[in-house]
Structure formats: structure tokens, C-alpha cells
Amino acid sequence: MTIGKTALITGANKGIGYETARQLGGMGLTILIGSRNEQSGREAVAKLANEGVEARLILLDVTNQSTIDSAVQQIKQEFGSLDVLINNAGISLGGATPPSQFSLNDLRETYETNFFGLVAVTQAMLPLLQESPCGRIVNLSSGLGSLTYNGDPEHEHAQFNLLAYNSSKAAVNMFTVTLAKEFKDSPLKINSADPGFTATDLNGFTGPGSVQQAAAVVVRLATLNNDGPSGGFFDSNGEVPW
């Protein structure tokens, strides 16, 4: 599940996405850097190349269907199939605004990237993933999307009452479950990953976890054996409650 395989990672020009690309590339996968910004995408590809990673730029904005369609055609023409899809791109808007006062525009914009964009990319890439004998889909979720954690006032996540971000990740988890059920009789493995509270620009680099630790969770799910789980939610310690 490594040498000769291809992996598309959305939002891979920085943060957890870039580190995931670096780790998977080090295992021998060809990395397709999904980036909506051409310059930063090319810089990421160049940095990876300096580390011996074979990487290609895929111009991809998850909120723009035409770029998604173009990405599908590019991958189809160059590789014919796709082995791994990592839906990493995400945003967080609105901060700690109380749910009763939350801007609907910020809510919609968050969902456009975190949920609708993720679904759109996955649906478009599925035919290519089905051409692989061992297709893997990893949806970047968060422990903040766990209803169990949010409903427990004693849990550390309960203090982060973020309507848009938390609910969009809960929606991602439901997509993971329903898609895994649809493809339960196929080689596809589809899971959600909780990378933990990681220091990235999404949170102003306030998270205590490193991108190396976060990416390790994603890499494990991206390289599951054929007897691995599907339709689950996992962090570095194992299964996360919904």
C-alpha cells in the first residue's frame, strides 16, 4: 500500500496536509498536492522534491466545481486511477460567537469548504478510487465534531462551543459513516481522522500538538491493510466516540 500508489491531499500546501504529504511521500507514494493557490502549491512541491518526494501540483479549490472537474481529468490522464484521497482542506470562521448570534453567512461559508466541498471532491474522485485495488479515503474531522465530547461538560472539548466548525465536522463524520455503508462490499476503506488540537494557522498556532503527530493519524488510515476498519472515527489513541 505504498510504492507506486498515488495520494491526493486537499489543502496540502501547508500545515497537517503538507506534513501528511511529506510522510506519505517518504513511504514511496506519489503525492498530488491539492492547492487553490498555484504559487504556494508549487513551493510545497519544490520543498517535497528536495526531500526526495515525488509530488505534483493539482490546482484545486474545493468550493469551485470547475477546478474539481479539471483535477479529475488531470489525474485520469496522468495516472488512470487514484489510490488515496485525503480531504484535509478546512476553515474555521466566527470564533466563539454564541450559537444564538452566529452569522449565517459564516455558517454557510464554513460548510461550503468543510462539508460541501469535501463531499464534492469525494464524489468526483470516487470513479478513480474505484479503479484502485485498495482505495482509501480519509476525511479530516476533529474531536470537536464528537457529539459525545460536546455533550460532556467535564470533557476538555466542551469548552469550545463553536457552532460552525464543530457542526461541520459532525456532518463530515456522518458522510463518512453513510459512504462507508454504501461501499461496504468493495475494497474501499473510508474513515474520519481526528488529528488532535494541532498548532496550525487555523487556530493561530495555539494547539499543543505537532503536525508530525497529527499527520501520523492520517497516514495510518491512508495506508490501512485490506482487513482494516471502514466507517470509523480515529485519533492517535484509537477509536473516537461519535
C-alpha atoms as a PDB file:
ATOM      1  CA  MET A   1       0.000   0.000   0.000  1.00  0.00           C
ATOM      2  CA  THR A   2       2.928   2.332  -0.663  1.00  0.00           C
ATOM      3  CA  ILE A   3       5.270   2.035  -3.655  1.00  0.00           C
ATOM      4  CA  GLY A   4       3.647   3.079  -6.922  1.00  0.00           C
ATOM      5  CA  LYS A   5       0.496   4.420  -5.286  1.00  0.00           C
ATOM      6  CA  THR A   6      -0.958   7.906  -5.675  1.00  0.00           C
ATOM      7  CA  ALA A   7      -2.432  10.129  -2.978  1.00  0.00           C
ATOM      8  CA  LEU A   8      -4.380  13.361  -3.460  1.00  0.00           C
ATOM      9  CA  ILE A   9      -4.384  15.658  -0.448  1.00  0.00           C
ATOM     10  CA  THR A  10      -6.553  18.777  -0.460  1.00  0.00           C
ATOM     11  CA  GLY A  11      -5.103  21.876   1.195  1.00  0.00           C
ATOM     12  CA  ALA A  12      -1.705  20.173   1.144  1.00  0.00           C
ATOM     13  CA  ASN A  13       0.472  23.240   0.707  1.00  0.00           C
ATOM     14  CA  LYS A  14       0.786  23.803   4.479  1.00  0.00           C
ATOM     15  CA  GLY A  15       0.069  22.505   7.964  1.00  0.00           C
ATOM     16  CA  ILE A  16      -1.214  18.977   8.539  1.00  0.00           C
ATOM     17  CA  GLY A  17      -1.801  18.480   4.822  1.00  0.00           C
ATOM     18  CA  TYR A  18       1.805  19.239   3.935  1.00  0.00           C
ATOM     19  CA  GLU A  19       3.209  17.070   6.714  1.00  0.00           C
ATOM     20  CA  THR A  20       0.916  14.222   5.636  1.00  0.00           C
ATOM     21  CA  ALA A  21       2.261  14.635   2.109  1.00  0.00           C
ATOM     22  CA  ARG A  22       5.833  14.527   3.424  1.00  0.00           C
ATOM     23  CA  GLN A  23       5.249  11.372   5.440  1.00  0.00           C
ATOM     24  CA  LEU A  24       3.351   9.507   2.727  1.00  0.00           C
ATOM     25  CA  GLY A  25       5.856  10.626   0.119  1.00  0.00           C
ATOM     26  CA  GLY A  26       8.629   9.220   2.275  1.00  0.00           C
ATOM     27  CA  MET A  27       6.852   5.865   2.102  1.00  0.00           C
ATOM     28  CA  GLY A  28       7.023   5.885  -1.695  1.00  0.00           C
ATOM     29  CA  LEU A  29       3.641   7.283  -2.705  1.00  0.00           C
ATOM     30  CA  THR A  30       3.358   9.848  -5.465  1.00  0.00           C
ATOM     31  CA  ILE A  31       1.790  12.892  -3.820  1.00  0.00           C
ATOM     32  CA  LEU A  32      -0.723  15.093  -5.591  1.00  0.00           C
ATOM     33  CA  ILE A  33      -0.676  18.447  -3.819  1.00  0.00           C
ATOM     34  CA  GLY A  34      -4.170  19.899  -3.951  1.00  0.00           C
ATOM     35  CA  SER A  35      -3.831  23.670  -3.587  1.00  0.00           C
ATOM     36  CA  ARG A  36      -6.084  26.546  -4.581  1.00  0.00           C
ATOM     37  CA  ASN A  37      -3.064  28.860  -4.741  1.00  0.00           C
ATOM     38  CA  GLU A  38      -0.647  27.984  -7.533  1.00  0.00           C
ATOM     39  CA  GLN A  39       2.410  29.695  -6.062  1.00  0.00           C
ATOM     40  CA  SER A  40       2.130  28.138  -2.607  1.00  0.00           C
ATOM     41  CA  GLY A  41       1.341  24.793  -4.217  1.00  0.00           C
ATOM     42  CA  ARG A  42       4.473  24.949  -6.365  1.00  0.00           C
ATOM     43  CA  GLU A  43       6.554  25.912  -3.336  1.00  0.00           C
ATOM     44  CA  ALA A  44       5.235  22.873  -1.476  1.00  0.00           C
ATOM     45  CA  VAL A  45       6.056  20.598  -4.413  1.00  0.00           C
ATOM     46  CA  ALA A  46       9.593  22.017  -4.590  1.00  0.00           C
ATOM     47  CA  LYS A  47      10.170  21.525  -0.851  1.00  0.00           C
ATOM     48  CA  LEU A  48       8.980  17.939  -1.063  1.00  0.00           C
ATOM     49  CA  ALA A  49      11.184  17.295  -4.088  1.00  0.00           C
ATOM     50  CA  ASN A  50      14.189  18.454  -2.048  1.00  0.00           C
ATOM     51  CA  GLU A  51      13.347  15.671   0.408  1.00  0.00           C
ATOM     52  CA  GLY A  52      13.156  13.084  -2.342  1.00  0.00           C
ATOM     53  CA  VAL A  53       9.367  13.003  -2.546  1.00  0.00           C
ATOM     54  CA  GLU A  54       7.709  12.660  -5.947  1.00  0.00           C
ATOM     55  CA  ALA A  55       4.985  15.306  -5.911  1.00  0.00           C
ATOM     56  CA  ARG A  56       2.762  17.032  -8.473  1.00  0.00           C
ATOM     57  CA  LEU A  57       0.645  20.156  -8.205  1.00  0.00           C
ATOM     58  CA  ILE A  58      -3.111  19.829  -8.650  1.00  0.00           C
ATOM     59  CA  LEU A  59      -4.832  23.218  -8.745  1.00  0.00           C
ATOM     60  CA  LEU A  60      -7.915  22.546  -6.666  1.00  0.00           C
ATOM     61  CA  ASP A  61     -10.350  24.779  -4.819  1.00  0.00           C
ATOM     62  CA  VAL A  62     -12.870  22.528  -3.065  1.00  0.00           C
ATOM     63  CA  THR A  63     -15.538  25.239  -3.353  1.00  0.00           C
ATOM     64  CA  ASN A  64     -15.107  25.535  -7.136  1.00  0.00           C
ATOM     65  CA  GLN A  65     -16.581  22.649  -9.120  1.00  0.00           C
ATOM     66  CA  SER A  66     -14.709  23.510 -12.315  1.00  0.00           C
ATOM     67  CA  THR A  67     -11.347  23.086 -10.551  1.00  0.00           C
ATOM     68  CA  ILE A  68     -12.555  19.781  -9.109  1.00  0.00           C
ATOM     69  CA  ASP A  69     -13.538  18.568 -12.577  1.00  0.00           C
ATOM     70  CA  SER A  70     -10.198  19.678 -14.008  1.00  0.00           C
ATOM     71  CA  ALA A  71      -8.372  17.846 -11.218  1.00  0.00           C
ATOM     72  CA  VAL A  72     -10.236  14.638 -12.042  1.00  0.00           C
ATOM     73  CA  GLN A  73      -9.257  14.902 -15.702  1.00  0.00           C
ATOM     74  CA  GLN A  74      -5.622  15.638 -14.859  1.00  0.00           C
ATOM     75  CA  ILE A  75      -5.348  12.631 -12.542  1.00  0.00           C
ATOM     76  CA  LYS A  76      -7.184  10.386 -15.001  1.00  0.00           C
ATOM     77  CA  GLN A  77      -4.870  11.362 -17.862  1.00  0.00           C
ATOM     78  CA  GLU A  78      -1.634  11.116 -15.886  1.00  0.00           C
ATOM     79  CA  PHE A  79      -2.336   8.111 -13.673  1.00  0.00           C
ATOM     80  CA  GLY A  80      -5.613   6.449 -14.686  1.00  0.00           C
ATOM     81  CA  SER A  81      -6.627   5.893 -11.092  1.00  0.00           C
ATOM     82  CA  LEU A  82      -6.275   7.239  -7.556  1.00  0.00           C
ATOM     83  CA  ASP A  83      -5.312   5.163  -4.523  1.00  0.00           C
ATOM     84  CA  VAL A  84      -5.743   7.611  -1.645  1.00  0.00           C
ATOM     85  CA  LEU A  85      -7.921  10.692  -1.148  1.00  0.00           C
ATOM     86  CA  ILE A  86      -7.277  12.787   1.935  1.00  0.00           C
ATOM     87  CA  ASN A  87      -9.879  15.502   2.453  1.00  0.00           C
ATOM     88  CA  ASN A  88      -7.774  17.889   4.516  1.00  0.00           C
ATOM     89  CA  ALA A  89      -8.872  21.391   3.426  1.00  0.00           C
ATOM     90  CA  GLY A  90     -10.822  23.210   6.115  1.00  0.00           C
ATOM     91  CA  ILE A  91     -11.610  26.587   7.647  1.00  0.00           C
ATOM     92  CA  SER A  92     -12.982  27.950  10.913  1.00  0.00           C
ATOM     93  CA  LEU A  93     -14.996  31.177  10.941  1.00  0.00           C
ATOM     94  CA  GLY A  94     -16.916  33.108  13.555  1.00  0.00           C
ATOM     95  CA  GLY A  95     -14.737  32.301  16.518  1.00  0.00           C
ATOM     96  CA  ALA A  96     -16.518  31.861  19.824  1.00  0.00           C
ATOM     97  CA  THR A  97     -19.656  33.784  18.798  1.00  0.00           C
ATOM     98  CA  PRO A  98     -22.603  32.243  20.699  1.00  0.00           C
ATOM     99  CA  PRO A  99     -24.742  29.940  18.545  1.00  0.00           C
ATOM    100  CA  SER A 100     -27.788  32.153  19.058  1.00  0.00           C
ATOM    101  CA  GLN A 101     -25.927  35.091  17.490  1.00  0.00           C
ATOM    102  CA  PHE A 102     -23.843  33.267  14.904  1.00  0.00           C
ATOM    103  CA  SER A 103     -23.678  34.777  11.432  1.00  0.00           C
ATOM    104  CA  LEU A 104     -25.496  32.653   8.873  1.00  0.00           C
ATOM    105  CA  ASN A 105     -23.026  33.827   6.241  1.00  0.00           C
ATOM    106  CA  ASP A 106     -20.106  32.492   8.312  1.00  0.00           C
ATOM    107  CA  LEU A 107     -22.012  29.259   8.894  1.00  0.00           C
ATOM    108  CA  ARG A 108     -22.695  28.777   5.182  1.00  0.00           C
ATOM    109  CA  GLU A 109     -19.114  29.642   4.214  1.00  0.00           C
ATOM    110  CA  THR A 110     -17.715  27.164   6.731  1.00  0.00           C
ATOM    111  CA  TYR A 111     -19.948  24.411   5.375  1.00  0.00           C
ATOM    112  CA  GLU A 112     -19.037  25.237   1.773  1.00  0.00           C
ATOM    113  CA  THR A 113     -15.426  24.273   2.494  1.00  0.00           C
ATOM    114  CA  ASN A 114     -15.615  21.810   5.379  1.00  0.00           C
ATOM    115  CA  PHE A 115     -18.606  19.785   4.223  1.00  0.00           C
ATOM    116  CA  PHE A 116     -19.996  20.553   0.764  1.00  0.00           C
ATOM    117  CA  GLY A 117     -16.512  20.923  -0.730  1.00  0.00           C
ATOM    118  CA  LEU A 118     -15.398  17.678   0.883  1.00  0.00           C
ATOM    119  CA  VAL A 119     -18.432  15.827  -0.468  1.00  0.00           C
ATOM    120  CA  ALA A 120     -17.993  17.344  -3.930  1.00  0.00           C
ATOM    121  CA  VAL A 121     -14.338  16.288  -4.159  1.00  0.00           C
ATOM    122  CA  THR A 122     -15.094  12.802  -2.880  1.00  0.00           C
ATOM    123  CA  GLN A 123     -17.964  12.229  -5.295  1.00  0.00           C
ATOM    124  CA  ALA A 124     -15.837  13.425  -8.209  1.00  0.00           C
ATOM    125  CA  MET A 125     -12.849  11.253  -7.266  1.00  0.00           C
ATOM    126  CA  LEU A 126     -14.780   8.072  -6.489  1.00  0.00           C
ATOM    127  CA  PRO A 127     -14.611   6.639 -10.033  1.00  0.00           C
ATOM    128  CA  LEU A 128     -10.815   6.987  -9.934  1.00  0.00           C
ATOM    129  CA  LEU A 129     -10.636   5.477  -6.439  1.00  0.00           C
ATOM    130  CA  GLN A 130     -12.733   2.522  -7.586  1.00  0.00           C
ATOM    131  CA  GLU A 131     -10.111   1.833 -10.257  1.00  0.00           C
ATOM    132  CA  SER A 132      -7.623   1.176  -7.447  1.00  0.00           C
ATOM    133  CA  PRO A 133      -7.467  -2.298  -5.873  1.00  0.00           C
ATOM    134  CA  CYS A 134      -7.089  -0.689  -2.450  1.00  0.00           C
ATOM    135  CA  GLY A 135      -8.725   2.744  -2.444  1.00  0.00           C
ATOM    136  CA  ARG A 136      -8.593   4.722   0.791  1.00  0.00           C
ATOM    137  CA  ILE A 137     -10.484   7.874   1.796  1.00  0.00           C
ATOM    138  CA  VAL A 138      -9.538   9.812   4.917  1.00  0.00           C
ATOM    139  CA  ASN A 139     -11.797  12.677   5.971  1.00  0.00           C
ATOM    140  CA  LEU A 140     -10.143  15.168   8.310  1.00  0.00           C
ATOM    141  CA  SER A 141     -12.574  15.619  11.152  1.00  0.00           C
ATOM    142  CA  SER A 142     -11.987  16.748  14.739  1.00  0.00           C
ATOM    143  CA  GLY A 143     -12.743  15.683  18.273  1.00  0.00           C
ATOM    144  CA  LEU A 144     -14.731  18.922  18.335  1.00  0.00           C
ATOM    145  CA  GLY A 145     -17.162  17.183  15.980  1.00  0.00           C
ATOM    146  CA  SER A 146     -17.906  14.472  18.546  1.00  0.00           C
ATOM    147  CA  LEU A 147     -21.403  14.827  19.998  1.00  0.00           C
ATOM    148  CA  THR A 148     -20.283  12.674  22.926  1.00  0.00           C
ATOM    149  CA  TYR A 149     -17.454  15.037  23.817  1.00  0.00           C
ATOM    150  CA  ASN A 150     -19.562  18.158  23.280  1.00  0.00           C
ATOM    151  CA  GLY A 151     -22.321  16.779  25.478  1.00  0.00           C
ATOM    152  CA  ASP A 152     -19.982  16.028  28.377  1.00  0.00           C
ATOM    153  CA  PRO A 153     -19.424  19.197  30.447  1.00  0.00           C
ATOM    154  CA  GLU A 154     -16.358  17.584  32.021  1.00  0.00           C
ATOM    155  CA  HIS A 155     -14.634  16.947  28.710  1.00  0.00           C
ATOM    156  CA  GLU A 156     -11.943  19.387  27.579  1.00  0.00           C
ATOM    157  CA  HIS A 157     -13.630  19.846  24.175  1.00  0.00           C
ATOM    158  CA  ALA A 158     -16.906  21.017  25.718  1.00  0.00           C
ATOM    159  CA  GLN A 159     -15.473  24.492  26.379  1.00  0.00           C
ATOM    160  CA  PHE A 160     -15.101  25.120  22.626  1.00  0.00           C
ATOM    161  CA  ASN A 161     -18.721  25.900  21.737  1.00  0.00           C
ATOM    162  CA  LEU A 162     -18.053  26.615  18.056  1.00  0.00           C
ATOM    163  CA  LEU A 163     -21.276  26.240  16.089  1.00  0.00           C
ATOM    164  CA  ALA A 164     -19.898  26.312  12.537  1.00  0.00           C
ATOM    165  CA  TYR A 165     -16.680  24.363  12.895  1.00  0.00           C
ATOM    166  CA  ASN A 166     -17.968  21.715  15.321  1.00  0.00           C
ATOM    167  CA  SER A 167     -21.189  21.016  13.454  1.00  0.00           C
ATOM    168  CA  SER A 168     -19.434  20.897  10.073  1.00  0.00           C
ATOM    169  CA  LYS A 169     -17.099  18.213  11.411  1.00  0.00           C
ATOM    170  CA  ALA A 170     -20.053  16.273  12.827  1.00  0.00           C
ATOM    171  CA  ALA A 171     -21.543  16.412   9.327  1.00  0.00           C
ATOM    172  CA  VAL A 172     -18.260  15.100   7.904  1.00  0.00           C
ATOM    173  CA  ASN A 173     -18.490  12.170  10.299  1.00  0.00           C
ATOM    174  CA  MET A 174     -21.991  11.324   9.092  1.00  0.00           C
ATOM    175  CA  PHE A 175     -20.778  11.423   5.494  1.00  0.00           C
ATOM    176  CA  THR A 176     -18.007   9.003   6.460  1.00  0.00           C
ATOM    177  CA  VAL A 177     -20.492   6.587   8.025  1.00  0.00           C
ATOM    178  CA  THR A 178     -23.020   6.699   5.204  1.00  0.00           C
ATOM    179  CA  LEU A 179     -20.404   6.428   2.437  1.00  0.00           C
ATOM    180  CA  ALA A 180     -18.696   3.509   4.172  1.00  0.00           C
ATOM    181  CA  LYS A 181     -22.040   1.697   4.367  1.00  0.00           C
ATOM    182  CA  GLU A 182     -22.607   2.276   0.655  1.00  0.00           C
ATOM    183  CA  PHE A 183     -19.231   0.748  -0.241  1.00  0.00           C
ATOM    184  CA  LYS A 184     -19.034  -1.916   2.484  1.00  0.00           C
ATOM    185  CA  ASP A 185     -18.763  -4.699  -0.101  1.00  0.00           C
ATOM    186  CA  SER A 186     -15.944  -3.008  -2.025  1.00  0.00           C
ATOM    187  CA  PRO A 187     -12.191  -2.702  -1.364  1.00  0.00           C
ATOM    188  CA  LEU A 188     -12.656   0.965  -0.368  1.00  0.00           C
ATOM    189  CA  LYS A 189     -11.848   1.932   3.219  1.00  0.00           C
ATOM    190  CA  ILE A 190     -13.394   5.233   4.350  1.00  0.00           C
ATOM    191  CA  ASN A 191     -12.653   6.746   7.761  1.00  0.00           C
ATOM    192  CA  SER A 192     -12.625  10.006   9.717  1.00  0.00           C
ATOM    193  CA  ALA A 193      -9.437  11.185  11.400  1.00  0.00           C
ATOM    194  CA  ASP A 194      -9.159  13.336  14.500  1.00  0.00           C
ATOM    195  CA  PRO A 195      -5.659  14.854  14.287  1.00  0.00           C
ATOM    196  CA  GLY A 196      -5.941  16.404  17.742  1.00  0.00           C
ATOM    197  CA  PHE A 197      -5.515  20.041  18.777  1.00  0.00           C
ATOM    198  CA  THR A 198      -2.604  20.832  16.474  1.00  0.00           C
ATOM    199  CA  ALA A 199      -0.582  24.028  16.145  1.00  0.00           C
ATOM    200  CA  THR A 200      -1.619  25.353  12.701  1.00  0.00           C
ATOM    201  CA  ASP A 201      -2.714  28.693  11.281  1.00  0.00           C
ATOM    202  CA  LEU A 202      -6.332  27.522  11.677  1.00  0.00           C
ATOM    203  CA  ASN A 203      -6.033  28.223  15.412  1.00  0.00           C
ATOM    204  CA  GLY A 204      -3.257  30.800  15.388  1.00  0.00           C
ATOM    205  CA  PHE A 205      -0.722  28.066  16.218  1.00  0.00           C
ATOM    206  CA  THR A 206      -2.158  27.707  19.731  1.00  0.00           C
ATOM    207  CA  GLY A 207      -2.636  23.932  19.667  1.00  0.00           C
ATOM    208  CA  PRO A 208      -0.234  21.844  21.805  1.00  0.00           C
ATOM    209  CA  GLY A 209       0.112  19.048  19.233  1.00  0.00           C
ATOM    210  CA  SER A 210       2.624  18.975  16.396  1.00  0.00           C
ATOM    211  CA  VAL A 211       1.810  18.499  12.715  1.00  0.00           C
ATOM    212  CA  GLN A 212       4.017  15.399  12.803  1.00  0.00           C
ATOM    213  CA  GLN A 213       1.789  13.796  15.446  1.00  0.00           C
ATOM    214  CA  ALA A 214      -1.376  14.846  13.614  1.00  0.00           C
ATOM    215  CA  ALA A 215      -0.224  13.552  10.252  1.00  0.00           C
ATOM    216  CA  ALA A 216       0.688  10.167  11.722  1.00  0.00           C
ATOM    217  CA  VAL A 217      -3.006   9.527  12.450  1.00  0.00           C
ATOM    218  CA  VAL A 218      -3.943  10.379   8.866  1.00  0.00           C
ATOM    219  CA  VAL A 219      -1.124   8.319   7.362  1.00  0.00           C
ATOM    220  CA  ARG A 220      -2.165   5.253   9.352  1.00  0.00           C
ATOM    221  CA  LEU A 221      -5.712   5.443   7.958  1.00  0.00           C
ATOM    222  CA  ALA A 222      -4.451   6.170   4.440  1.00  0.00           C
ATOM    223  CA  THR A 223      -2.338   3.006   4.402  1.00  0.00           C
ATOM    224  CA  LEU A 224      -4.696   0.513   6.044  1.00  0.00           C
ATOM    225  CA  ASN A 225      -4.382  -3.126   5.111  1.00  0.00           C
ATOM    226  CA  ASN A 226      -7.293  -4.821   3.370  1.00  0.00           C
ATOM    227  CA  ASP A 227      -8.582  -6.114   6.720  1.00  0.00           C
ATOM    228  CA  GLY A 228      -8.573  -2.615   8.225  1.00  0.00           C
ATOM    229  CA  PRO A 229     -11.661  -0.803   9.516  1.00  0.00           C
ATOM    230  CA  SER A 230     -14.054   1.326   7.477  1.00  0.00           C
ATOM    231  CA  GLY A 231     -16.680   3.785   8.644  1.00  0.00           C
ATOM    232  CA  GLY A 232     -14.843   4.664  11.849  1.00  0.00           C
ATOM    233  CA  PHE A 233     -13.513   7.729  13.668  1.00  0.00           C
ATOM    234  CA  PHE A 234      -9.946   7.514  14.982  1.00  0.00           C
ATOM    235  CA  ASP A 235      -7.260   9.556  16.718  1.00  0.00           C
ATOM    236  CA  SER A 236      -3.768   8.652  17.905  1.00  0.00           C
ATOM    237  CA  ASN A 237      -5.209   6.641  20.807  1.00  0.00           C
ATOM    238  CA  GLY A 238      -7.730   4.628  18.813  1.00  0.00           C
ATOM    239  CA  GLU A 239     -11.441   4.991  18.206  1.00  0.00           C
ATOM    240  CA  VAL A 240     -13.186   8.288  18.980  1.00  0.00           C
ATOM    241  CA  PRO A 241     -16.845   8.289  20.114  1.00  0.00           C
ATOM    242  CA  TRP A 242     -19.331   9.881  17.760  1.00  0.00           C
END
